[in-house]
Every structure is written in C-alpha cells, then in structure tokens.
Full PDB file with SEQRES, HELIX, SHEET, SSBOND, CRYST1, ORIGX, SCALE, CONECT and MASTER records, all heavy atoms in Angstrom:
SEQRES   1 A   32  PHE ILE GLY ILE GLU LYS TYR ASP SER VAL VAL ALA LYS          
SEQRES   2 A   32  CYS LEU PRO ARG ILE ASP SER ASP LEU ASP ASN LEU ALA          
SEQRES   3 A   32  ILE ILE ARG MET ASP ALA                                      
HELIX    1 AA1 ASP A    8  CYS A   14  1                                   7    
HELIX    2 AA2 LEU A   15  ARG A   17  5                                   3    
SHEET    1 AA1 2 ILE A   2  GLU A   5  0                                        
SHEET    2 AA1 2 ALA A  26  ARG A  29  1                                        
CRYST1    1.000    1.000    1.000  90.00  90.00  90.00 P 1           1          
ORIGX1      1.000000  0.000000  0.000000        0.00000                         
ORIGX2      0.000000  1.000000  0.000000        0.00000                         
ORIGX3      0.000000  0.000000  1.000000        0.00000                         
SCALE1      1.000000  0.000000  0.000000        0.00000                         
SCALE2      0.000000  1.000000  0.000000        0.00000                         
SCALE3      0.000000  0.000000  1.000000        0.00000                         
ATOM      1  N   PHE A   1      -2.181  -2.890 -10.276  1.00  0.00           N  
ATOM      2  CA  PHE A   1      -1.306  -3.455  -9.315  1.00  0.00           C  
ATOM      3  C   PHE A   1      -1.903  -3.337  -7.901  1.00  0.00           C  
ATOM      4  O   PHE A   1      -2.467  -2.302  -7.548  1.00  0.00           O  
ATOM      5  CB  PHE A   1       0.047  -2.785  -9.368  1.00  0.00           C  
ATOM      6  CG  PHE A   1       0.846  -3.017 -10.596  1.00  0.00           C  
ATOM      7  CD1 PHE A   1       0.701  -2.188 -11.695  1.00  0.00           C  
ATOM      8  CD2 PHE A   1       1.666  -4.121 -10.702  1.00  0.00           C  
ATOM      9  CE1 PHE A   1       1.450  -2.381 -12.846  1.00  0.00           C  
ATOM     10  CE2 PHE A   1       2.382  -4.342 -11.907  1.00  0.00           C  
ATOM     11  CZ  PHE A   1       2.310  -3.460 -12.966  1.00  0.00           C  
ATOM     12  N   ILE A   2      -1.723  -4.435  -7.166  1.00  0.00           N  
ATOM     13  CA  ILE A   2      -2.199  -4.390  -5.775  1.00  0.00           C  
ATOM     14  C   ILE A   2      -1.059  -4.927  -4.913  1.00  0.00           C  
ATOM     15  O   ILE A   2      -0.526  -5.985  -5.130  1.00  0.00           O  
ATOM     16  CB  ILE A   2      -3.456  -5.311  -5.582  1.00  0.00           C  
ATOM     17  CG1 ILE A   2      -4.574  -4.802  -6.418  1.00  0.00           C  
ATOM     18  CG2 ILE A   2      -3.844  -5.340  -4.110  1.00  0.00           C  
ATOM     19  CD1 ILE A   2      -5.782  -5.756  -6.408  1.00  0.00           C  
ATOM     20  N   GLY A   3      -0.658  -4.077  -3.898  1.00  0.00           N  
ATOM     21  CA  GLY A   3       0.310  -4.490  -2.954  1.00  0.00           C  
ATOM     22  C   GLY A   3      -0.270  -4.979  -1.702  1.00  0.00           C  
ATOM     23  O   GLY A   3      -1.227  -4.352  -1.178  1.00  0.00           O  
ATOM     24  N   ILE A   4       0.206  -6.093  -1.138  1.00  0.00           N  
ATOM     25  CA  ILE A   4      -0.341  -6.697   0.074  1.00  0.00           C  
ATOM     26  C   ILE A   4       0.695  -6.782   1.075  1.00  0.00           C  
ATOM     27  O   ILE A   4       1.872  -7.192   0.850  1.00  0.00           O  
ATOM     28  CB  ILE A   4      -0.854  -8.119  -0.303  1.00  0.00           C  
ATOM     29  CG1 ILE A   4      -2.000  -8.058  -1.259  1.00  0.00           C  
ATOM     30  CG2 ILE A   4      -1.359  -8.812   0.997  1.00  0.00           C  
ATOM     31  CD1 ILE A   4      -2.429  -9.394  -1.796  1.00  0.00           C  
ATOM     32  N   GLU A   5       0.419  -6.292   2.268  1.00  0.00           N  
ATOM     33  CA  GLU A   5       1.358  -6.265   3.371  1.00  0.00           C  
ATOM     34  C   GLU A   5       0.591  -6.519   4.699  1.00  0.00           C  
ATOM     35  O   GLU A   5      -0.493  -5.946   4.914  1.00  0.00           O  
ATOM     36  CB  GLU A   5       2.099  -4.954   3.427  1.00  0.00           C  
ATOM     37  CG  GLU A   5       3.057  -4.800   4.594  1.00  0.00           C  
ATOM     38  CD  GLU A   5       4.133  -5.875   4.641  1.00  0.00           C  
ATOM     39  OE1 GLU A   5       4.740  -6.154   3.594  1.00  0.00           O  
ATOM     40  OE2 GLU A   5       4.280  -6.420   5.718  1.00  0.00           O  
ATOM     41  N   LYS A   6       1.197  -7.258   5.590  1.00  0.00           N  
ATOM     42  CA  LYS A   6       0.599  -7.646   6.882  1.00  0.00           C  
ATOM     43  C   LYS A   6       0.651  -6.581   7.929  1.00  0.00           C  
ATOM     44  O   LYS A   6      -0.235  -6.397   8.765  1.00  0.00           O  
ATOM     45  CB  LYS A   6       1.176  -8.970   7.326  1.00  0.00           C  
ATOM     46  CG  LYS A   6       0.620  -9.460   8.623  1.00  0.00           C  
ATOM     47  CD  LYS A   6       1.304 -10.776   9.016  1.00  0.00           C  
ATOM     48  CE  LYS A   6       0.724 -11.325  10.303  1.00  0.00           C  
ATOM     49  NZ  LYS A   6       1.411 -12.614  10.638  1.00  0.00           N  
ATOM     50  N   TYR A   7       1.807  -5.851   7.921  1.00  0.00           N  
ATOM     51  CA  TYR A   7       2.114  -4.994   9.079  1.00  0.00           C  
ATOM     52  C   TYR A   7       1.738  -3.522   8.901  1.00  0.00           C  
ATOM     53  O   TYR A   7       2.080  -2.921   7.894  1.00  0.00           O  
ATOM     54  CB  TYR A   7       3.586  -5.150   9.421  1.00  0.00           C  
ATOM     55  CG  TYR A   7       3.977  -6.536   9.759  1.00  0.00           C  
ATOM     56  CD1 TYR A   7       4.666  -7.310   8.876  1.00  0.00           C  
ATOM     57  CD2 TYR A   7       3.705  -7.071  11.012  1.00  0.00           C  
ATOM     58  CE1 TYR A   7       5.098  -8.619   9.182  1.00  0.00           C  
ATOM     59  CE2 TYR A   7       4.096  -8.327  11.314  1.00  0.00           C  
ATOM     60  CZ  TYR A   7       4.743  -9.119  10.373  1.00  0.00           C  
ATOM     61  OH  TYR A   7       5.077 -10.442  10.704  1.00  0.00           O  
ATOM     62  N   ASP A   8       0.959  -3.004   9.828  1.00  0.00           N  
ATOM     63  CA  ASP A   8       0.510  -1.660   9.759  1.00  0.00           C  
ATOM     64  C   ASP A   8       1.643  -0.629   9.571  1.00  0.00           C  
ATOM     65  O   ASP A   8       1.536   0.300   8.790  1.00  0.00           O  
ATOM     66  CB  ASP A   8      -0.213  -1.211  11.111  1.00  0.00           C  
ATOM     67  CG  ASP A   8      -1.526  -1.947  11.277  1.00  0.00           C  
ATOM     68  OD1 ASP A   8      -1.914  -2.730  10.362  1.00  0.00           O  
ATOM     69  OD2 ASP A   8      -2.236  -1.717  12.299  1.00  0.00           O  
ATOM     70  N   SER A   9       2.737  -0.775  10.370  1.00  0.00           N  
ATOM     71  CA  SER A   9       3.792   0.153  10.327  1.00  0.00           C  
ATOM     72  C   SER A   9       4.403   0.179   8.956  1.00  0.00           C  
ATOM     73  O   SER A   9       4.847   1.239   8.479  1.00  0.00           O  
ATOM     74  CB  SER A   9       4.858  -0.172  11.380  1.00  0.00           C  
ATOM     75  OG  SER A   9       4.329   0.008  12.659  1.00  0.00           O  
ATOM     76  N   VAL A  10       4.564  -0.981   8.311  1.00  0.00           N  
ATOM     77  CA  VAL A  10       5.165  -1.066   6.973  1.00  0.00           C  
ATOM     78  C   VAL A  10       4.275  -0.365   5.970  1.00  0.00           C  
ATOM     79  O   VAL A  10       4.792   0.391   5.084  1.00  0.00           O  
ATOM     80  CB  VAL A  10       5.475  -2.492   6.575  1.00  0.00           C  
ATOM     81  CG1 VAL A  10       6.136  -2.511   5.233  1.00  0.00           C  
ATOM     82  CG2 VAL A  10       6.396  -3.166   7.682  1.00  0.00           C  
ATOM     83  N   VAL A  11       2.950  -0.636   6.029  1.00  0.00           N  
ATOM     84  CA  VAL A  11       2.033  -0.062   5.150  1.00  0.00           C  
ATOM     85  C   VAL A  11       2.053   1.505   5.309  1.00  0.00           C  
ATOM     86  O   VAL A  11       2.058   2.237   4.297  1.00  0.00           O  
ATOM     87  CB  VAL A  11       0.601  -0.516   5.380  1.00  0.00           C  
ATOM     88  CG1 VAL A  11      -0.420   0.178   4.553  1.00  0.00           C  
ATOM     89  CG2 VAL A  11       0.522  -2.008   5.100  1.00  0.00           C  
ATOM     90  N   ALA A  12       2.175   1.957   6.499  1.00  0.00           N  
ATOM     91  CA  ALA A  12       2.172   3.409   6.787  1.00  0.00           C  
ATOM     92  C   ALA A  12       3.412   4.108   6.207  1.00  0.00           C  
ATOM     93  O   ALA A  12       3.387   5.223   5.889  1.00  0.00           O  
ATOM     94  CB  ALA A  12       2.148   3.632   8.304  1.00  0.00           C  
ATOM     95  N   LYS A  13       4.506   3.308   5.994  1.00  0.00           N  
ATOM     96  CA  LYS A  13       5.669   3.859   5.394  1.00  0.00           C  
ATOM     97  C   LYS A  13       5.556   3.933   3.878  1.00  0.00           C  
ATOM     98  O   LYS A  13       6.118   4.814   3.236  1.00  0.00           O  
ATOM     99  CB  LYS A  13       6.940   3.027   5.761  1.00  0.00           C  
ATOM    100  CG  LYS A  13       7.316   3.098   7.213  1.00  0.00           C  
ATOM    101  CD  LYS A  13       8.580   2.267   7.490  1.00  0.00           C  
ATOM    102  CE  LYS A  13       8.980   2.406   8.955  1.00  0.00           C  
ATOM    103  NZ  LYS A  13      10.192   1.534   9.318  1.00  0.00           N  
ATOM    104  N   CYS A  14       4.761   3.035   3.326  1.00  0.00           N  
ATOM    105  CA  CYS A  14       4.576   2.983   1.914  1.00  0.00           C  
ATOM    106  C   CYS A  14       3.616   4.031   1.382  1.00  0.00           C  
ATOM    107  O   CYS A  14       3.922   4.727   0.377  1.00  0.00           O  
ATOM    108  CB  CYS A  14       4.008   1.564   1.441  1.00  0.00           C  
ATOM    109  SG  CYS A  14       3.380   1.494  -0.193  1.00  0.00           S  
ATOM    110  N   LEU A  15       2.503   4.204   2.015  1.00  0.00           N  
ATOM    111  CA  LEU A  15       1.417   5.039   1.502  1.00  0.00           C  
ATOM    112  C   LEU A  15       1.830   6.496   1.175  1.00  0.00           C  
ATOM    113  O   LEU A  15       1.457   7.002   0.128  1.00  0.00           O  
ATOM    114  CB  LEU A  15       0.261   5.023   2.499  1.00  0.00           C  
ATOM    115  CG  LEU A  15      -0.469   3.677   2.660  1.00  0.00           C  
ATOM    116  CD1 LEU A  15      -1.489   3.801   3.799  1.00  0.00           C  
ATOM    117  CD2 LEU A  15      -1.141   3.310   1.367  1.00  0.00           C  
ATOM    118  N   PRO A  16       2.602   7.185   2.019  1.00  0.00           N  
ATOM    119  CA  PRO A  16       2.930   8.607   1.702  1.00  0.00           C  
ATOM    120  C   PRO A  16       3.827   8.695   0.428  1.00  0.00           C  
ATOM    121  O   PRO A  16       4.053   9.746  -0.094  1.00  0.00           O  
ATOM    122  CB  PRO A  16       3.642   9.125   2.946  1.00  0.00           C  
ATOM    123  CG  PRO A  16       3.190   8.195   4.067  1.00  0.00           C  
ATOM    124  CD  PRO A  16       3.093   6.848   3.399  1.00  0.00           C  
ATOM    125  N   ARG A  17       4.446   7.592   0.026  1.00  0.00           N  
ATOM    126  CA  ARG A  17       5.413   7.624  -1.078  1.00  0.00           C  
ATOM    127  C   ARG A  17       4.760   7.407  -2.409  1.00  0.00           C  
ATOM    128  O   ARG A  17       5.378   7.441  -3.466  1.00  0.00           O  
ATOM    129  CB  ARG A  17       6.504   6.542  -0.837  1.00  0.00           C  
ATOM    130  CG  ARG A  17       7.210   6.693   0.500  1.00  0.00           C  
ATOM    131  CD  ARG A  17       8.248   5.665   0.695  1.00  0.00           C  
ATOM    132  NE  ARG A  17       8.805   5.693   2.040  1.00  0.00           N  
ATOM    133  CZ  ARG A  17       9.886   5.043   2.430  1.00  0.00           C  
ATOM    134  NH1 ARG A  17      10.594   4.356   1.519  1.00  0.00           N  
ATOM    135  NH2 ARG A  17      10.351   5.150   3.639  1.00  0.00           N  
ATOM    136  N   ILE A  18       3.447   7.102  -2.402  1.00  0.00           N  
ATOM    137  CA  ILE A  18       2.717   6.834  -3.622  1.00  0.00           C  
ATOM    138  C   ILE A  18       2.312   8.156  -4.332  1.00  0.00           C  
ATOM    139  O   ILE A  18       1.812   9.076  -3.722  1.00  0.00           O  
ATOM    140  CB  ILE A  18       1.410   6.008  -3.415  1.00  0.00           C  
ATOM    141  CG1 ILE A  18       1.801   4.677  -2.749  1.00  0.00           C  
ATOM    142  CG2 ILE A  18       0.666   5.794  -4.675  1.00  0.00           C  
ATOM    143  CD1 ILE A  18       0.608   3.907  -2.296  1.00  0.00           C  
ATOM    144  N   ASP A  19       2.580   8.290  -5.608  1.00  0.00           N  
ATOM    145  CA  ASP A  19       2.257   9.460  -6.375  1.00  0.00           C  
ATOM    146  C   ASP A  19       0.727   9.595  -6.392  1.00  0.00           C  
ATOM    147  O   ASP A  19      -0.001   8.575  -6.677  1.00  0.00           O  
ATOM    148  CB  ASP A  19       2.794   9.361  -7.801  1.00  0.00           C  
ATOM    149  CG  ASP A  19       4.257   9.444  -7.878  1.00  0.00           C  
ATOM    150  OD1 ASP A  19       4.869   9.882  -6.893  1.00  0.00           O  
ATOM    151  OD2 ASP A  19       4.872   9.086  -8.897  1.00  0.00           O  
ATOM    152  N   SER A  20       0.260  10.738  -6.142  1.00  0.00           N  
ATOM    153  CA  SER A  20      -1.220  10.949  -6.016  1.00  0.00           C  
ATOM    154  C   SER A  20      -2.046  10.745  -7.319  1.00  0.00           C  
ATOM    155  O   SER A  20      -3.208  10.440  -7.243  1.00  0.00           O  
ATOM    156  CB  SER A  20      -1.494  12.386  -5.506  1.00  0.00           C  
ATOM    157  OG  SER A  20      -0.989  13.333  -6.452  1.00  0.00           O  
ATOM    158  N   ASP A  21      -1.336  10.715  -8.409  1.00  0.00           N  
ATOM    159  CA  ASP A  21      -2.035  10.593  -9.759  1.00  0.00           C  
ATOM    160  C   ASP A  21      -2.107   9.106 -10.227  1.00  0.00           C  
ATOM    161  O   ASP A  21      -2.658   8.902 -11.302  1.00  0.00           O  
ATOM    162  CB  ASP A  21      -1.368  11.468 -10.774  1.00  0.00           C  
ATOM    163  CG  ASP A  21       0.055  11.057 -11.053  1.00  0.00           C  
ATOM    164  OD1 ASP A  21       0.690  10.355 -10.214  1.00  0.00           O  
ATOM    165  OD2 ASP A  21       0.569  11.454 -12.061  1.00  0.00           O  
ATOM    166  N   LEU A  22      -1.591   8.207  -9.437  1.00  0.00           N  
ATOM    167  CA  LEU A  22      -1.629   6.794  -9.833  1.00  0.00           C  
ATOM    168  C   LEU A  22      -3.062   6.237  -9.596  1.00  0.00           C  
ATOM    169  O   LEU A  22      -3.526   6.238  -8.508  1.00  0.00           O  
ATOM    170  CB  LEU A  22      -0.656   5.962  -9.052  1.00  0.00           C  
ATOM    171  CG  LEU A  22       0.806   6.103  -9.425  1.00  0.00           C  
ATOM    172  CD1 LEU A  22       1.697   5.257  -8.516  1.00  0.00           C  
ATOM    173  CD2 LEU A  22       1.057   5.765 -10.882  1.00  0.00           C  
ATOM    174  N   ASP A  23      -3.717   5.838 -10.651  1.00  0.00           N  
ATOM    175  CA  ASP A  23      -5.052   5.295 -10.468  1.00  0.00           C  
ATOM    176  C   ASP A  23      -5.108   3.770 -10.794  1.00  0.00           C  
ATOM    177  O   ASP A  23      -6.161   3.178 -10.826  1.00  0.00           O  
ATOM    178  CB  ASP A  23      -6.055   6.005 -11.415  1.00  0.00           C  
ATOM    179  CG  ASP A  23      -5.650   5.952 -12.894  1.00  0.00           C  
ATOM    180  OD1 ASP A  23      -4.702   5.191 -13.225  1.00  0.00           O  
ATOM    181  OD2 ASP A  23      -6.382   6.606 -13.736  1.00  0.00           O  
ATOM    182  N   ASN A  24      -3.913   3.194 -10.886  1.00  0.00           N  
ATOM    183  CA  ASN A  24      -3.845   1.715 -11.185  1.00  0.00           C  
ATOM    184  C   ASN A  24      -3.151   0.985 -10.036  1.00  0.00           C  
ATOM    185  O   ASN A  24      -2.568  -0.085 -10.240  1.00  0.00           O  
ATOM    186  CB  ASN A  24      -3.175   1.433 -12.514  1.00  0.00           C  
ATOM    187  CG  ASN A  24      -1.632   1.902 -12.510  1.00  0.00           C  
ATOM    188  OD1 ASN A  24      -1.389   2.892 -11.881  1.00  0.00           O  
ATOM    189  ND2 ASN A  24      -0.875   1.239 -13.230  1.00  0.00           N  
ATOM    190  N   LEU A  25      -3.180   1.546  -8.800  1.00  0.00           N  
ATOM    191  CA  LEU A  25      -2.506   0.947  -7.723  1.00  0.00           C  
ATOM    192  C   LEU A  25      -3.454   0.973  -6.456  1.00  0.00           C  
ATOM    193  O   LEU A  25      -4.121   1.979  -6.184  1.00  0.00           O  
ATOM    194  CB  LEU A  25      -1.215   1.695  -7.352  1.00  0.00           C  
ATOM    195  CG  LEU A  25      -0.437   1.260  -6.095  1.00  0.00           C  
ATOM    196  CD1 LEU A  25      -0.046  -0.185  -6.235  1.00  0.00           C  
ATOM    197  CD2 LEU A  25       0.734   2.186  -5.892  1.00  0.00           C  
ATOM    198  N   ALA A  26      -3.484  -0.171  -5.827  1.00  0.00           N  
ATOM    199  CA  ALA A  26      -4.260  -0.307  -4.493  1.00  0.00           C  
ATOM    200  C   ALA A  26      -3.332  -1.005  -3.517  1.00  0.00           C  
ATOM    201  O   ALA A  26      -2.506  -1.830  -3.889  1.00  0.00           O  
ATOM    202  CB  ALA A  26      -5.572  -1.026  -4.762  1.00  0.00           C  
ATOM    203  N   ILE A  27      -3.588  -0.739  -2.272  1.00  0.00           N  
ATOM    204  CA  ILE A  27      -2.814  -1.370  -1.144  1.00  0.00           C  
ATOM    205  C   ILE A  27      -3.772  -2.060  -0.215  1.00  0.00           C  
ATOM    206  O   ILE A  27      -4.773  -1.448   0.134  1.00  0.00           O  
ATOM    207  CB  ILE A  27      -1.996  -0.347  -0.399  1.00  0.00           C  
ATOM    208  CG1 ILE A  27      -0.985   0.464  -1.305  1.00  0.00           C  
ATOM    209  CG2 ILE A  27      -1.155  -0.983   0.732  1.00  0.00           C  
ATOM    210  CD1 ILE A  27      -0.038  -0.417  -2.073  1.00  0.00           C  
ATOM    211  N   ILE A  28      -3.407  -3.235   0.124  1.00  0.00           N  
ATOM    212  CA  ILE A  28      -4.301  -4.004   1.091  1.00  0.00           C  
ATOM    213  C   ILE A  28      -3.405  -4.402   2.296  1.00  0.00           C  
ATOM    214  O   ILE A  28      -2.323  -4.949   2.210  1.00  0.00           O  
ATOM    215  CB  ILE A  28      -4.827  -5.309   0.406  1.00  0.00           C  
ATOM    216  CG1 ILE A  28      -5.726  -4.937  -0.753  1.00  0.00           C  
ATOM    217  CG2 ILE A  28      -5.629  -6.106   1.446  1.00  0.00           C  
ATOM    218  CD1 ILE A  28      -6.237  -6.144  -1.486  1.00  0.00           C  
ATOM    219  N   ARG A  29      -3.947  -4.166   3.470  1.00  0.00           N  
ATOM    220  CA  ARG A  29      -3.332  -4.549   4.732  1.00  0.00           C  
ATOM    221  C   ARG A  29      -3.983  -5.857   5.218  1.00  0.00           C  
ATOM    222  O   ARG A  29      -5.142  -5.784   5.696  1.00  0.00           O  
ATOM    223  CB  ARG A  29      -3.422  -3.427   5.759  1.00  0.00           C  
ATOM    224  CG  ARG A  29      -2.881  -3.777   7.102  1.00  0.00           C  
ATOM    225  CD  ARG A  29      -3.116  -2.593   8.114  1.00  0.00           C  
ATOM    226  NE  ARG A  29      -4.598  -2.157   8.012  1.00  0.00           N  
ATOM    227  CZ  ARG A  29      -5.152  -1.352   8.836  1.00  0.00           C  
ATOM    228  NH1 ARG A  29      -4.441  -0.812   9.809  1.00  0.00           N  
ATOM    229  NH2 ARG A  29      -6.380  -1.011   8.743  1.00  0.00           N  
ATOM    230  N   MET A  30      -3.304  -6.989   5.140  1.00  0.00           N  
ATOM    231  CA  MET A  30      -3.901  -8.212   5.566  1.00  0.00           C  
ATOM    232  C   MET A  30      -2.894  -9.344   5.637  1.00  0.00           C  
ATOM    233  O   MET A  30      -1.773  -9.255   5.098  1.00  0.00           O  
ATOM    234  CB  MET A  30      -5.050  -8.638   4.618  1.00  0.00           C  
ATOM    235  CG  MET A  30      -4.580  -9.149   3.252  1.00  0.00           C  
ATOM    236  SD  MET A  30      -5.951  -9.895   2.303  1.00  0.00           S  
ATOM    237  CE  MET A  30      -5.026 -10.574   0.921  1.00  0.00           C  
ATOM    238  N   ASP A  31      -3.290 -10.378   6.359  1.00  0.00           N  
ATOM    239  CA  ASP A  31      -2.526 -11.640   6.346  1.00  0.00           C  
ATOM    240  C   ASP A  31      -2.731 -12.364   5.039  1.00  0.00           C  
ATOM    241  O   ASP A  31      -3.859 -12.537   4.617  1.00  0.00           O  
ATOM    242  CB  ASP A  31      -2.934 -12.467   7.559  1.00  0.00           C  
ATOM    243  CG  ASP A  31      -1.978 -13.663   7.797  1.00  0.00           C  
ATOM    244  OD1 ASP A  31      -1.556 -14.323   6.829  1.00  0.00           O  
ATOM    245  OD2 ASP A  31      -1.679 -13.924   8.939  1.00  0.00           O  
ATOM    246  N   ALA A  32      -1.662 -12.809   4.422  1.00  0.00           N  
ATOM    247  CA  ALA A  32      -1.767 -13.455   3.090  1.00  0.00           C  
ATOM    248  C   ALA A  32      -2.637 -14.779   3.145  1.00  0.00           C  
ATOM    249  O   ALA A  32      -3.131 -15.238   2.129  1.00  0.00           O  
ATOM    250  CB  ALA A  32      -0.386 -13.780   2.564  1.00  0.00           C  
TER     251      ALA A  32                                                      
MASTER        0    0    0    2    2    0    0    6  250    1    0    3          
END                                                                             
C-alpha cells in the first residue's frame, strides 16, 4: 500500500501513527 498526500502537515500527522513493523506501507508527499 502507498498513501499519497500533498500537504506536509497532514503527512506529519499520519507518520507517527504507523506501526513500526509494517513493511508493506509507504507514504509519498506530492501533488497528484
């Protein structure tokens, strides 16, 4: 799974909530 989000502040709220053992998830900060 890859989550895409444009806004820094929103991405910063998401990242600390991700379980550290998930190896099938990536986050991208960009304009779609």
